[in-house]
Amino acid sequence: MNCSLNYDSSDPKFILLKKVLDFMNSKKSLNALSRAGVSNRRTVLFYIEILFIAMYFSCPISHVVDELNRSAKLRKFVGIEDKEISVAQVYEGLSRSTAVEYCNYVNSILKIFNKT
């Protein structure tokens, strides 16, 4: 059974996740994705955010998508308040790149934190 992702702005888990998502949406992160060879940066970043949320709460991607479609507060928290997403759309978007490419994308973003 998967946990419910009920957004609460005072929950420490969501506070930390918000800091991570804000950093990922920063100009530095978008520039790092450009240097990694990503042409559609916002789309790739959206799929990486979905992956991060799924890993952070230890639940499947399909559950994260269902919770995002269920909760307007959670969609606003992630920054996709105006559109509904489907599981097929997310999996299709994730399949456009290999796991190695996603690792390279995330590593290029994480290098901004620590240069070594």
Foldseek 3Di string as FASTA:
>chain_A
DADQPDDDPPDPLLVVLLVVLVLCPDPQLLVLLVVLPDDPSVLLSLLVSLVVVCVSRVHDSQNSLVNCQVDLVVVVSNPNNPDRDHPVRSVVSVVVDDPVSNVSSVVSSCCVVPVD
